[in-house]
Amino acid sequence: MTSAQEAAGAPDPSDLGYEQAREELVEVVRRLESSGPGLEESLRLWERGEALARRCEEWLAGARARIEAVQAAQEAAQEQRDGGPATGPAHDIAGDGTTG
């Protein structure tokens, strides 16, 4: 966190984009590792870091869900073009080379 952020009050993590939250989290970790802050400041930084980490996780989970949705849509479109469900290792439920 920069001194400007501290003076103005740091923004709510839920208002931050992934890159902003990650950048601030890196700064929080750097400050905690520097052994400079006292106990109270360390606790404040730790809490802020936890909130920022949660925000980053939310962004990553959202990105993961979007990727999975696109992949599922592509697989469904491919199945329609092929006239049926796809076969092969990706659909090998039993792991024995069969699809059923």
Protein backbone atom coordinates (compact mmCIF):
# COMPACT_ATOMS: atom_id res chain seq x y z
CA MET A 1 0.00 0.00 0.00
CA THR A 2 1.36 3.40 -0.88
CA SER A 3 1.39 6.30 1.54
CA ALA A 4 -1.25 8.00 -0.64
CA GLN A 5 -3.54 5.01 -0.18
CA GLU A 6 -2.93 5.05 3.56
CA ALA A 7 -3.64 8.79 3.78
CA ALA A 8 -6.83 8.57 1.73
CA GLY A 9 -7.92 5.22 3.13
CA ALA A 10 -7.34 2.13 1.05
CA PRO A 11 -10.11 1.22 -1.37
CA ASP A 12 -12.44 -1.64 -0.54
CA PRO A 13 -10.94 -4.81 -2.07
CA SER A 14 -14.29 -5.63 -3.68
CA ASP A 15 -13.87 -2.47 -5.79
CA LEU A 16 -10.49 -3.56 -7.15
CA GLY A 17 -9.69 -5.35 -10.36
CA TYR A 18 -7.45 -8.41 -10.27
CA GLU A 19 -4.27 -6.57 -11.24
CA GLN A 20 -4.87 -3.80 -8.68
CA ALA A 21 -5.59 -6.28 -5.88
CA ARG A 22 -2.57 -8.42 -6.77
CA GLU A 23 -0.25 -5.42 -6.99
CA GLU A 24 -1.35 -4.17 -3.59
CA LEU A 25 -1.08 -7.68 -2.13
CA VAL A 26 2.52 -7.93 -3.34
CA GLU A 27 3.25 -4.61 -1.62
CA VAL A 28 1.59 -5.79 1.62
CA VAL A 29 3.69 -8.97 1.61
CA ARG A 30 6.85 -6.97 0.92
CA ARG A 31 6.12 -4.70 3.87
CA LEU A 32 5.36 -7.62 6.18
CA GLU A 33 8.58 -9.36 5.18
CA SER A 34 10.65 -6.22 5.74
CA SER A 35 10.35 -6.62 9.53
CA GLY A 36 9.69 -2.89 9.73
CA PRO A 37 6.14 -2.63 10.98
CA GLY A 38 5.25 -3.07 14.63
CA LEU A 39 2.67 -5.54 15.87
CA GLU A 40 -0.38 -3.33 15.32
CA GLU A 41 0.71 -2.34 11.82
CA SER A 42 1.59 -5.97 11.03
CA LEU A 43 -1.89 -7.09 12.07
CA ARG A 44 -3.50 -4.36 9.95
CA LEU A 45 -1.36 -5.35 6.98
CA TRP A 46 -2.15 -9.04 7.51
CA GLU A 47 -5.90 -8.34 7.53
CA ARG A 48 -5.61 -6.21 4.40
CA GLY A 49 -3.55 -8.91 2.73
CA GLU A 50 -6.16 -11.55 3.55
CA ALA A 51 -8.91 -9.37 2.04
CA LEU A 52 -6.82 -8.75 -1.07
CA ALA A 53 -6.01 -12.46 -1.44
CA ARG A 54 -9.72 -13.30 -1.23
CA ARG A 55 -10.44 -10.73 -3.94
CA CYS A 56 -7.76 -12.23 -6.18
CA GLU A 57 -9.26 -15.69 -5.61
CA GLU A 58 -12.70 -14.37 -6.57
CA TRP A 59 -11.31 -12.99 -9.82
CA LEU A 60 -9.48 -16.22 -10.60
CA ALA A 61 -12.56 -18.34 -9.81
CA GLY A 62 -14.61 -16.14 -12.13
CA ALA A 63 -12.04 -16.46 -14.89
CA ARG A 64 -11.92 -20.24 -14.39
CA ALA A 65 -15.73 -20.44 -14.63
CA ARG A 66 -15.73 -18.39 -17.83
CA ILE A 67 -13.08 -20.64 -19.40
CA GLU A 68 -14.99 -23.78 -18.40
CA ALA A 69 -18.22 -22.34 -19.84
CA VAL A 70 -16.51 -21.59 -23.16
CA GLN A 71 -14.98 -25.07 -23.25
CA ALA A 72 -18.35 -26.69 -22.49
CA ALA A 73 -20.01 -24.63 -25.23
CA GLN A 74 -17.29 -25.62 -27.70
CA GLU A 75 -17.67 -29.30 -26.79
CA ALA A 76 -21.46 -29.08 -27.17
CA ALA A 77 -21.09 -27.41 -30.56
CA GLN A 78 -18.61 -30.08 -31.65
CA GLU A 79 -20.99 -32.84 -30.52
CA GLN A 80 -23.80 -31.27 -32.56
CA ARG A 81 -21.57 -31.06 -35.63
CA ASP A 82 -20.48 -34.68 -35.16
CA GLY A 83 -24.01 -35.90 -34.57
CA GLY A 84 -23.53 -37.21 -31.03
CA PRO A 85 -21.49 -37.11 -27.86
CA ALA A 86 -17.75 -37.01 -28.18
CA THR A 87 -15.76 -40.14 -27.40
CA GLY A 88 -12.20 -40.63 -26.31
CA PRO A 89 -10.07 -40.06 -23.24
CA ALA A 90 -11.88 -36.89 -22.18
CA HIS A 91 -15.12 -38.88 -21.83
CA ASP A 92 -13.60 -42.17 -20.64
CA ILE A 93 -15.46 -42.35 -17.32
CA ALA A 94 -14.13 -45.73 -16.19
CA GLY A 95 -10.59 -45.07 -17.38
CA ASP A 96 -10.58 -48.32 -19.35
CA GLY A 97 -10.86 -46.99 -22.87
CA THR A 98 -14.66 -47.26 -22.96
CA THR A 99 -17.16 -44.45 -22.77
CA GLY A 100 -19.86 -46.08 -20.73
